[in-house]
Structures are given as structure tokens and as C-alpha cells.
Amino acid sequence: MDQKIKKTQPPAFKAKVALEALKGVETPGQLASRFSVHPTQVGVWKKMASDAVVQWFTGGNAKLQHEKERLSERDELYTKIGKLEVENDFLKRKVGLLE
């Protein structure tokens, strides 16, 4: 049996092809021939690049927003832990005075 080997391309290569496709100077077929990839793949990378640029300008990067929220929540929890430790130390001293 003749199996096709799936070829993975580095991100820099994908970006280069996508940028060329976004320029619109050459057709997807011409770009596919020049970069030795399938024309459908050129279209997929072009769409991915276009969507990423739109998200970048609209601030809609959900992953980045989630990371900011997670860090904010973490800082809030550390603040609560610090406060509870101070209260706990205070109460230990008070109980120690009663004994």
C-alpha cells in the first residue's frame, strides 16, 4: 500500500505563505506551486492569519484575556491568604495569653 506522509511545516513558513496569500498578488494555485503545498492549505493559512489579525485589532484574544483573569484571581487569593495568616497569628497569640 502506498501511504502519504503528512508533512508538517514550521510556523514561520506558514506565516510567510499566509502573508503572501493576503497580499493577493498571486493566486492560491500559484502560491501552492511556488511553496510546494496544496492550494487548499494556502487558503486555510490565509484564513487563520486573517482571523488572527482581526482578533489582534479588536482585543478579542480570549486566551490572553483568560490568562489576565487567572492572574488577577491568583493575586486576590494570595491577598486573602496573607490576611488569614495575620488573623491566625493574632488569635494564636491571644489564646497563648489565656493559658
PDB file of N, CA and C in Angstrom:
ATOM      1  N   MET A   1       0.832  -1.184   0.000  1.00  0.00           N
ATOM      2  CA  MET A   1       0.000   0.000   0.000  1.00  0.00           C
ATOM      3  C   MET A   1       0.877   1.248   0.000  1.00  0.00           C
ATOM      4  N   ASP A   2       0.409   2.222  -0.710  1.00  0.00           N
ATOM      5  CA  ASP A   2       1.141   3.475  -0.824  1.00  0.00           C
ATOM      6  C   ASP A   2       0.539   4.499   0.133  1.00  0.00           C
ATOM      7  N   GLN A   3       1.262   4.791   1.215  1.00  0.00           N
ATOM      8  CA  GLN A   3       0.767   5.762   2.190  1.00  0.00           C
ATOM      9  C   GLN A   3       1.427   7.111   1.966  1.00  0.00           C
ATOM     10  N   LYS A   4       0.603   8.163   2.138  1.00  0.00           N
ATOM     11  CA  LYS A   4       1.154   9.501   2.038  1.00  0.00           C
ATOM     12  C   LYS A   4       1.642   9.928   3.414  1.00  0.00           C
ATOM     13  N   ILE A   5       2.774  10.545   3.455  1.00  0.00           N
ATOM     14  CA  ILE A   5       3.337  11.029   4.707  1.00  0.00           C
ATOM     15  C   ILE A   5       2.882  12.468   4.905  1.00  0.00           C
ATOM     16  N   LYS A   6       2.288  12.722   6.050  1.00  0.00           N
ATOM     17  CA  LYS A   6       1.820  14.074   6.353  1.00  0.00           C
ATOM     18  C   LYS A   6       3.027  14.937   6.684  1.00  0.00           C
ATOM     19  N   LYS A   7       3.145  16.024   5.969  1.00  0.00           N
ATOM     20  CA  LYS A   7       4.278  16.917   6.142  1.00  0.00           C
ATOM     21  C   LYS A   7       3.856  18.080   7.034  1.00  0.00           C
ATOM     22  N   THR A   8       4.592  18.329   8.092  1.00  0.00           N
ATOM     23  CA  THR A   8       4.285  19.458   8.967  1.00  0.00           C
ATOM     24  C   THR A   8       5.264  20.585   8.662  1.00  0.00           C
ATOM     25  N   GLN A   9       4.708  21.762   8.612  1.00  0.00           N
ATOM     26  CA  GLN A   9       5.509  22.940   8.279  1.00  0.00           C
ATOM     27  C   GLN A   9       5.733  23.779   9.526  1.00  0.00           C
ATOM     28  N   PRO A  10       6.876  24.437   9.620  1.00  0.00           N
ATOM     29  CA  PRO A  10       7.126  25.314  10.767  1.00  0.00           C
ATOM     30  C   PRO A  10       6.229  26.561  10.704  1.00  0.00           C
ATOM     31  N   PRO A  11       5.911  27.130  11.868  1.00  0.00           N
ATOM     32  CA  PRO A  11       5.042  28.307  11.911  1.00  0.00           C
ATOM     33  C   PRO A  11       5.531  29.467  11.052  1.00  0.00           C
ATOM     34  N   ALA A  12       6.832  29.677  10.982  1.00  0.00           N
ATOM     35  CA  ALA A  12       7.363  30.781  10.183  1.00  0.00           C
ATOM     36  C   ALA A  12       7.042  30.593   8.702  1.00  0.00           C
ATOM     37  N   PHE A  13       7.106  29.356   8.235  1.00  0.00           N
ATOM     38  CA  PHE A  13       6.781  29.058   6.845  1.00  0.00           C
ATOM     39  C   PHE A  13       5.305  29.321   6.577  1.00  0.00           C
ATOM     40  N   LYS A  14       4.451  28.859   7.505  1.00  0.00           N
ATOM     41  CA  LYS A  14       3.011  29.064   7.361  1.00  0.00           C
ATOM     42  C   LYS A  14       2.684  30.551   7.314  1.00  0.00           C
ATOM     43  N   ALA A  15       3.340  31.319   8.171  1.00  0.00           N
ATOM     44  CA  ALA A  15       3.107  32.765   8.210  1.00  0.00           C
ATOM     45  C   ALA A  15       3.532  33.409   6.902  1.00  0.00           C
ATOM     46  N   LYS A  16       4.656  32.968   6.361  1.00  0.00           N
ATOM     47  CA  LYS A  16       5.154  33.524   5.103  1.00  0.00           C
ATOM     48  C   LYS A  16       4.164  33.271   3.964  1.00  0.00           C
ATOM     49  N   VAL A  17       3.664  32.052   3.889  1.00  0.00           N
ATOM     50  CA  VAL A  17       2.702  31.698   2.840  1.00  0.00           C
ATOM     51  C   VAL A  17       1.405  32.489   3.039  1.00  0.00           C
ATOM     52  N   ALA A  18       0.939  32.568   4.292  1.00  0.00           N
ATOM     53  CA  ALA A  18      -0.306  33.291   4.588  1.00  0.00           C
ATOM     54  C   ALA A  18      -0.182  34.768   4.228  1.00  0.00           C
ATOM     55  N   LEU A  19       0.949  35.374   4.542  1.00  0.00           N
ATOM     56  CA  LEU A  19       1.141  36.797   4.206  1.00  0.00           C
ATOM     57  C   LEU A  19       1.158  37.016   2.696  1.00  0.00           C
ATOM     58  N   GLU A  20       1.785  36.105   1.995  1.00  0.00           N
ATOM     59  CA  GLU A  20       1.783  36.201   0.533  1.00  0.00           C
ATOM     60  C   GLU A  20       0.354  36.077  -0.006  1.00  0.00           C
ATOM     61  N   ALA A  21      -0.423  35.174   0.588  1.00  0.00           N
ATOM     62  CA  ALA A  21      -1.803  34.990   0.151  1.00  0.00           C
ATOM     63  C   ALA A  21      -2.644  36.226   0.465  1.00  0.00           C
ATOM     64  N   LEU A  22      -2.398  36.837   1.611  1.00  0.00           N
ATOM     65  CA  LEU A  22      -3.136  38.043   1.982  1.00  0.00           C
ATOM     66  C   LEU A  22      -2.826  39.210   1.049  1.00  0.00           C
ATOM     67  N   LYS A  23      -1.606  39.236   0.530  1.00  0.00           N
ATOM     68  CA  LYS A  23      -1.247  40.306  -0.411  1.00  0.00           C
ATOM     69  C   LYS A  23      -2.110  40.238  -1.664  1.00  0.00           C
ATOM     70  N   GLY A  24      -2.464  39.041  -2.085  1.00  0.00           N
ATOM     71  CA  GLY A  24      -3.332  38.860  -3.236  1.00  0.00           C
ATOM     72  C   GLY A  24      -2.675  39.070  -4.587  1.00  0.00           C
ATOM     73  N   VAL A  25      -1.359  39.092  -4.638  1.00  0.00           N
ATOM     74  CA  VAL A  25      -0.645  39.286  -5.899  1.00  0.00           C
ATOM     75  C   VAL A  25      -0.709  38.025  -6.754  1.00  0.00           C
ATOM     76  N   GLU A  26      -0.605  36.868  -6.090  1.00  0.00           N
ATOM     77  CA  GLU A  26      -0.649  35.592  -6.790  1.00  0.00           C
ATOM     78  C   GLU A  26      -1.892  34.813  -6.360  1.00  0.00           C
ATOM     79  N   THR A  27      -2.350  33.916  -7.203  1.00  0.00           N
ATOM     80  CA  THR A  27      -3.492  33.071  -6.875  1.00  0.00           C
ATOM     81  C   THR A  27      -3.040  31.988  -5.891  1.00  0.00           C
ATOM     82  N   PRO A  28      -3.990  31.395  -5.177  1.00  0.00           N
ATOM     83  CA  PRO A  28      -3.621  30.287  -4.281  1.00  0.00           C
ATOM     84  C   PRO A  28      -2.910  29.154  -5.022  1.00  0.00           C
ATOM     85  N   GLY A  29      -3.300  28.893  -6.243  1.00  0.00           N
ATOM     86  CA  GLY A  29      -2.633  27.857  -7.036  1.00  0.00           C
ATOM     87  C   GLY A  29      -1.184  28.200  -7.313  1.00  0.00           C
ATOM     88  N   GLN A  30      -0.931  29.471  -7.655  1.00  0.00           N
ATOM     89  CA  GLN A  30       0.449  29.895  -7.914  1.00  0.00           C
ATOM     90  C   GLN A  30       1.288  29.806  -6.643  1.00  0.00           C
ATOM     91  N   LEU A  31       0.708  30.245  -5.525  1.00  0.00           N
ATOM     92  CA  LEU A  31       1.435  30.177  -4.249  1.00  0.00           C
ATOM     93  C   LEU A  31       1.703  28.722  -3.859  1.00  0.00           C
ATOM     94  N   ALA A  32       0.704  27.872  -4.073  1.00  0.00           N
ATOM     95  CA  ALA A  32       0.867  26.455  -3.749  1.00  0.00           C
ATOM     96  C   ALA A  32       2.006  25.845  -4.547  1.00  0.00           C
ATOM     97  N   SER A  33       2.082  26.204  -5.821  1.00  0.00           N
ATOM     98  CA  SER A  33       3.148  25.698  -6.673  1.00  0.00           C
ATOM     99  C   SER A  33       4.510  26.225  -6.217  1.00  0.00           C
ATOM    100  N   ARG A  34       4.550  27.525  -5.907  1.00  0.00           N
ATOM    101  CA  ARG A  34       5.818  28.139  -5.504  1.00  0.00           C
ATOM    102  C   ARG A  34       6.328  27.586  -4.179  1.00  0.00           C
ATOM    103  N   PHE A  35       5.418  27.323  -3.219  1.00  0.00           N
ATOM    104  CA  PHE A  35       5.825  26.877  -1.890  1.00  0.00           C
ATOM    105  C   PHE A  35       5.678  25.365  -1.684  1.00  0.00           C
ATOM    106  N   SER A  36       5.268  24.639  -2.723  1.00  0.00           N
ATOM    107  CA  SER A  36       5.110  23.181  -2.686  1.00  0.00           C
ATOM    108  C   SER A  36       4.133  22.724  -1.594  1.00  0.00           C
ATOM    109  N   VAL A  37       2.975  23.362  -1.570  1.00  0.00           N
ATOM    110  CA  VAL A  37       1.899  22.956  -0.665  1.00  0.00           C
ATOM    111  C   VAL A  37       0.612  22.858  -1.480  1.00  0.00           C
ATOM    112  N   HIS A  38      -0.435  22.325  -0.882  1.00  0.00           N
ATOM    113  CA  HIS A  38      -1.712  22.190  -1.566  1.00  0.00           C
ATOM    114  C   HIS A  38      -2.430  23.544  -1.571  1.00  0.00           C
ATOM    115  N   PRO A  39      -3.120  23.896  -2.656  1.00  0.00           N
ATOM    116  CA  PRO A  39      -3.840  25.176  -2.716  1.00  0.00           C
ATOM    117  C   PRO A  39      -4.854  25.359  -1.584  1.00  0.00           C
ATOM    118  N   THR A  40      -5.488  24.275  -1.162  1.00  0.00           N
ATOM    119  CA  THR A  40      -6.428  24.365  -0.046  1.00  0.00           C
ATOM    120  C   THR A  40      -5.715  24.797   1.227  1.00  0.00           C
ATOM    121  N   GLN A  41      -4.499  24.299   1.412  1.00  0.00           N
ATOM    122  CA  GLN A  41      -3.726  24.658   2.599  1.00  0.00           C
ATOM    123  C   GLN A  41      -3.391  26.143   2.597  1.00  0.00           C
ATOM    124  N   VAL A  42      -3.121  26.690   1.434  1.00  0.00           N
ATOM    125  CA  VAL A  42      -2.853  28.131   1.327  1.00  0.00           C
ATOM    126  C   VAL A  42      -4.074  28.905   1.823  1.00  0.00           C
ATOM    127  N   GLY A  43      -5.257  28.475   1.405  1.00  0.00           N
ATOM    128  CA  GLY A  43      -6.486  29.140   1.832  1.00  0.00           C
ATOM    129  C   GLY A  43      -6.727  29.023   3.329  1.00  0.00           C
ATOM    130  N   VAL A  44      -6.421  27.858   3.886  1.00  0.00           N
ATOM    131  CA  VAL A  44      -6.597  27.645   5.326  1.00  0.00           C
ATOM    132  C   VAL A  44      -5.680  28.581   6.105  1.00  0.00           C
ATOM    133  N   TRP A  45      -4.419  28.644   5.724  1.00  0.00           N
ATOM    134  CA  TRP A  45      -3.467  29.504   6.430  1.00  0.00           C
ATOM    135  C   TRP A  45      -3.813  30.983   6.258  1.00  0.00           C
ATOM    136  N   LYS A  46      -4.313  31.336   5.081  1.00  0.00           N
ATOM    137  CA  LYS A  46      -4.722  32.726   4.832  1.00  0.00           C
ATOM    138  C   LYS A  46      -5.865  33.105   5.770  1.00  0.00           C
ATOM    139  N   LYS A  47      -6.856  32.218   5.900  1.00  0.00           N
ATOM    140  CA  LYS A  47      -7.994  32.493   6.781  1.00  0.00           C
ATOM    141  C   LYS A  47      -7.548  32.585   8.234  1.00  0.00           C
ATOM    142  N   MET A  48      -6.666  31.685   8.646  1.00  0.00           N
ATOM    143  CA  MET A  48      -6.157  31.720  10.024  1.00  0.00           C
ATOM    144  C   MET A  48      -5.454  33.042  10.305  1.00  0.00           C
ATOM    145  N   ALA A  49      -4.635  33.498   9.363  1.00  0.00           N
ATOM    146  CA  ALA A  49      -3.909  34.753   9.538  1.00  0.00           C
ATOM    147  C   ALA A  49      -4.867  35.935   9.581  1.00  0.00           C
ATOM    148  N   SER A  50      -5.847  35.916   8.700  1.00  0.00           N
ATOM    149  CA  SER A  50      -6.826  36.995   8.661  1.00  0.00           C
ATOM    150  C   SER A  50      -7.614  37.066   9.968  1.00  0.00           C
ATOM    151  N   ASP A  51      -8.053  35.911  10.476  1.00  0.00           N
ATOM    152  CA  ASP A  51      -8.794  35.872  11.737  1.00  0.00           C
ATOM    153  C   ASP A  51      -7.937  36.354  12.904  1.00  0.00           C
ATOM    154  N   ALA A  52      -6.670  35.959  12.898  1.00  0.00           N
ATOM    155  CA  ALA A  52      -5.767  36.358  13.983  1.00  0.00           C
ATOM    156  C   ALA A  52      -5.548  37.868  13.987  1.00  0.00           C
ATOM    157  N   VAL A  53      -5.435  38.451  12.804  1.00  0.00           N
ATOM    158  CA  VAL A  53      -5.233  39.900  12.708  1.00  0.00           C
ATOM    159  C   VAL A  53      -6.470  40.635  13.211  1.00  0.00           C
ATOM    160  N   VAL A  54      -7.639  40.160  12.851  1.00  0.00           N
ATOM    161  CA  VAL A  54      -8.884  40.787  13.317  1.00  0.00           C
ATOM    162  C   VAL A  54      -8.961  40.721  14.841  1.00  0.00           C
ATOM    163  N   GLN A  55      -8.653  39.562  15.412  1.00  0.00           N
ATOM    164  CA  GLN A  55      -8.671  39.416  16.874  1.00  0.00           C
ATOM    165  C   GLN A  55      -7.654  40.345  17.525  1.00  0.00           C
ATOM    166  N   TRP A  56      -6.520  40.480  16.898  1.00  0.00           N
ATOM    167  CA  TRP A  56      -5.460  41.317  17.444  1.00  0.00           C
ATOM    168  C   TRP A  56      -5.926  42.761  17.536  1.00  0.00           C
ATOM    169  N   PHE A  57      -6.584  43.260  16.504  1.00  0.00           N
ATOM    170  CA  PHE A  57      -7.023  44.645  16.489  1.00  0.00           C
ATOM    171  C   PHE A  57      -8.281  44.886  17.315  1.00  0.00           C
ATOM    172  N   THR A  58      -9.088  43.862  17.521  1.00  0.00           N
ATOM    173  CA  THR A  58     -10.307  44.040  18.305  1.00  0.00           C
ATOM    174  C   THR A  58     -10.090  43.700  19.775  1.00  0.00           C
ATOM    175  N   GLY A  59      -8.919  43.222  20.119  1.00  0.00           N
ATOM    176  CA  GLY A  59      -8.650  42.859  21.500  1.00  0.00           C
ATOM    177  C   GLY A  59      -9.404  41.609  21.911  1.00  0.00           C
ATOM    178  N   GLY A  60      -9.831  40.814  20.968  1.00  0.00           N
ATOM    179  CA  GLY A  60     -10.631  39.631  21.246  1.00  0.00           C
ATOM    180  C   GLY A  60      -9.813  38.386  21.491  1.00  0.00           C
ATOM    181  N   ASN A  61      -8.608  38.534  21.918  1.00  0.00           N
ATOM    182  CA  ASN A  61      -7.784  37.364  22.171  1.00  0.00           C
ATOM    183  C   ASN A  61      -8.237  36.714  23.473  1.00  0.00           C
ATOM    184  N   ALA A  62      -9.090  35.721  23.369  1.00  0.00           N
ATOM    185  CA  ALA A  62      -9.696  35.084  24.537  1.00  0.00           C
ATOM    186  C   ALA A  62      -8.654  34.429  25.436  1.00  0.00           C
ATOM    187  N   LYS A  63      -7.626  33.854  24.842  1.00  0.00           N
ATOM    188  CA  LYS A  63      -6.604  33.183  25.633  1.00  0.00           C
ATOM    189  C   LYS A  63      -5.874  34.190  26.533  1.00  0.00           C
ATOM    190  N   LEU A  64      -5.532  35.337  25.976  1.00  0.00           N
ATOM    191  CA  LEU A  64      -4.851  36.373  26.745  1.00  0.00           C
ATOM    192  C   LEU A  64      -5.765  36.912  27.834  1.00  0.00           C
ATOM    193  N   GLN A  65      -7.023  37.121  27.513  1.00  0.00           N
ATOM    194  CA  GLN A  65      -7.984  37.622  28.487  1.00  0.00           C
ATOM    195  C   GLN A  65      -8.149  36.624  29.635  1.00  0.00           C
ATOM    196  N   HIS A  66      -8.224  35.344  29.306  1.00  0.00           N
ATOM    197  CA  HIS A  66      -8.356  34.306  30.329  1.00  0.00           C
ATOM    198  C   HIS A  66      -7.133  34.309  31.247  1.00  0.00           C
ATOM    199  N   GLU A  67      -5.952  34.462  30.675  1.00  0.00           N
ATOM    200  CA  GLU A  67      -4.717  34.483  31.461  1.00  0.00           C
ATOM    201  C   GLU A  67      -4.709  35.682  32.412  1.00  0.00           C
ATOM    202  N   LYS A  68      -5.154  36.845  31.942  1.00  0.00           N
ATOM    203  CA  LYS A  68      -5.225  38.028  32.802  1.00  0.00           C
ATOM    204  C   LYS A  68      -6.185  37.797  33.965  1.00  0.00           C
ATOM    205  N   GLU A  69      -7.344  37.210  33.680  1.00  0.00           N
ATOM    206  CA  GLU A  69      -8.322  36.928  34.733  1.00  0.00           C
ATOM    207  C   GLU A  69      -7.768  35.935  35.745  1.00  0.00           C
ATOM    208  N   ARG A  70      -7.063  34.934  35.254  1.00  0.00           N
ATOM    209  CA  ARG A  70      -6.486  33.924  36.137  1.00  0.00           C
ATOM    210  C   ARG A  70      -5.438  34.541  37.059  1.00  0.00           C
ATOM    211  N   LEU A  71      -4.598  35.419  36.519  1.00  0.00           N
ATOM    212  CA  LEU A  71      -3.585  36.073  37.334  1.00  0.00           C
ATOM    213  C   LEU A  71      -4.217  37.002  38.356  1.00  0.00           C
ATOM    214  N   SER A  72      -5.271  37.698  37.965  1.00  0.00           N
ATOM    215  CA  SER A  72      -5.978  38.581  38.881  1.00  0.00           C
ATOM    216  C   SER A  72      -6.588  37.779  40.027  1.00  0.00           C
ATOM    217  N   GLU A  73      -7.203  36.652  39.696  1.00  0.00           N
ATOM    218  CA  GLU A  73      -7.803  35.793  40.717  1.00  0.00           C
ATOM    219  C   GLU A  73      -6.726  35.251  41.652  1.00  0.00           C
ATOM    220  N   ARG A  74      -5.588  34.873  41.097  1.00  0.00           N
ATOM    221  CA  ARG A  74      -4.480  34.364  41.906  1.00  0.00           C
ATOM    222  C   ARG A  74      -3.994  35.415  42.885  1.00  0.00           C
ATOM    223  N   ASP A  75      -3.827  36.654  42.415  1.00  0.00           N
ATOM    224  CA  ASP A  75      -3.376  37.732  43.288  1.00  0.00           C
ATOM    225  C   ASP A  75      -4.378  37.991  44.405  1.00  0.00           C
ATOM    226  N   GLU A  76      -5.654  37.921  44.065  1.00  0.00           N
ATOM    227  CA  GLU A  76      -6.707  38.113  45.057  1.00  0.00           C
ATOM    228  C   GLU A  76      -6.647  37.021  46.129  1.00  0.00           C
ATOM    229  N   LEU A  77      -6.415  35.779  45.703  1.00  0.00           N
ATOM    230  CA  LEU A  77      -6.324  34.673  46.652  1.00  0.00           C
ATOM    231  C   LEU A  77      -5.094  34.800  47.546  1.00  0.00           C
ATOM    232  N   TYR A  78      -3.964  35.234  46.985  1.00  0.00           N
ATOM    233  CA  TYR A  78      -2.768  35.450  47.804  1.00  0.00           C
ATOM    234  C   TYR A  78      -3.011  36.526  48.845  1.00  0.00           C
ATOM    235  N   THR A  79      -3.753  37.557  48.491  1.00  0.00           N
ATOM    236  CA  THR A  79      -4.081  38.617  49.434  1.00  0.00           C
ATOM    237  C   THR A  79      -4.934  38.063  50.579  1.00  0.00           C
ATOM    238  N   LYS A  80      -5.918  37.245  50.234  1.00  0.00           N
ATOM    239  CA  LYS A  80      -6.768  36.634  51.265  1.00  0.00           C
ATOM    240  C   LYS A  80      -5.952  35.725  52.178  1.00  0.00           C
ATOM    241  N   ILE A  81      -5.049  34.942  51.587  1.00  0.00           N
ATOM    242  CA  ILE A  81      -4.206  34.041  52.388  1.00  0.00           C
ATOM    243  C   ILE A  81      -3.367  34.846  53.368  1.00  0.00           C
ATOM    244  N   GLY A  82      -2.778  35.933  52.898  1.00  0.00           N
ATOM    245  CA  GLY A  82      -1.970  36.785  53.773  1.00  0.00           C
ATOM    246  C   GLY A  82      -2.792  37.338  54.926  1.00  0.00           C
ATOM    247  N   LYS A  83      -3.985  37.791  54.627  1.00  0.00           N
ATOM    248  CA  LYS A  83      -4.866  38.339  55.661  1.00  0.00           C
ATOM    249  C   LYS A  83      -5.222  37.267  56.683  1.00  0.00           C
ATOM    250  N   LEU A  84      -5.551  36.072  56.208  1.00  0.00           N
ATOM    251  CA  LEU A  84      -5.901  34.985  57.119  1.00  0.00           C
ATOM    252  C   LEU A  84      -4.713  34.562  57.983  1.00  0.00           C
ATOM    253  N   GLU A  85      -3.515  34.592  57.426  1.00  0.00           N
ATOM    254  CA  GLU A  85      -2.328  34.247  58.213  1.00  0.00           C
ATOM    255  C   GLU A  85      -2.107  35.256  59.333  1.00  0.00           C
ATOM    256  N   VAL A  86      -2.314  36.531  59.041  1.00  0.00           N
ATOM    257  CA  VAL A  86      -2.164  37.568  60.064  1.00  0.00           C
ATOM    258  C   VAL A  86      -3.204  37.369  61.163  1.00  0.00           C
ATOM    259  N   GLU A  87      -4.455  37.111  60.757  1.00  0.00           N
ATOM    260  CA  GLU A  87      -5.513  36.880  61.738  1.00  0.00           C
ATOM    261  C   GLU A  87      -5.217  35.637  62.574  1.00  0.00           C
ATOM    262  N   ASN A  88      -4.731  34.589  61.936  1.00  0.00           N
ATOM    263  CA  ASN A  88      -4.404  33.343  62.628  1.00  0.00           C
ATOM    264  C   ASN A  88      -3.290  33.571  63.653  1.00  0.00           C
ATOM    265  N   ASP A  89      -2.241  34.284  63.273  1.00  0.00           N
ATOM    266  CA  ASP A  89      -1.145  34.592  64.197  1.00  0.00           C
ATOM    267  C   ASP A  89      -1.656  35.401  65.390  1.00  0.00           C
ATOM    268  N   PHE A  90      -2.518  36.376  65.117  1.00  0.00           N
ATOM    269  CA  PHE A  90      -3.081  37.214  66.180  1.00  0.00           C
ATOM    270  C   PHE A  90      -3.861  36.354  67.178  1.00  0.00           C
ATOM    271  N   LEU A  91      -4.700  35.459  66.641  1.00  0.00           N
ATOM    272  CA  LEU A  91      -5.511  34.604  67.510  1.00  0.00           C
ATOM    273  C   LEU A  91      -4.650  33.619  68.304  1.00  0.00           C
ATOM    274  N   LYS A  92      -3.590  33.110  67.698  1.00  0.00           N
ATOM    275  CA  LYS A  92      -2.681  32.207  68.426  1.00  0.00           C
ATOM    276  C   LYS A  92      -2.048  32.927  69.600  1.00  0.00           C
ATOM    277  N   ARG A  93      -1.665  34.191  69.400  1.00  0.00           N
ATOM    278  CA  ARG A  93      -1.074  34.975  70.493  1.00  0.00           C
ATOM    279  C   ARG A  93      -2.100  35.210  71.599  1.00  0.00           C
ATOM    280  N   LYS A  94      -3.328  35.510  71.209  1.00  0.00           N
ATOM    281  CA  LYS A  94      -4.382  35.763  72.200  1.00  0.00           C
ATOM    282  C   LYS A  94      -4.663  34.499  73.023  1.00  0.00           C
ATOM    283  N   VAL A  95      -4.751  33.349  72.341  1.00  0.00           N
ATOM    284  CA  VAL A  95      -5.007  32.098  73.041  1.00  0.00           C
ATOM    285  C   VAL A  95      -3.836  31.777  73.958  1.00  0.00           C
ATOM    286  N   GLY A  96      -2.629  32.052  73.524  1.00  0.00           N
ATOM    287  CA  GLY A  96      -1.440  31.811  74.333  1.00  0.00           C
ATOM    288  C   GLY A  96      -1.455  32.655  75.608  1.00  0.00           C
ATOM    289  N   LEU A  97      -2.000  33.857  75.546  1.00  0.00           N
ATOM    290  CA  LEU A  97      -2.082  34.706  76.719  1.00  0.00           C
ATOM    291  C   LEU A  97      -3.093  34.185  77.720  1.00  0.00           C
ATOM    292  N   LEU A  98      -4.128  33.478  77.265  1.00  0.00           N
ATOM    293  CA  LEU A  98      -5.152  32.970  78.155  1.00  0.00           C
ATOM    294  C   LEU A  98      -4.690  31.742  78.916  1.00  0.00           C
ATOM    295  N   GLU A  99      -3.742  31.003  78.387  1.00  0.00           N
ATOM    296  CA  GLU A  99      -3.313  29.770  79.038  1.00  0.00           C
ATOM    297  C   GLU A  99      -2.418  30.020  80.212  1.00  0.00           C
TER     298      GLU A  99
END
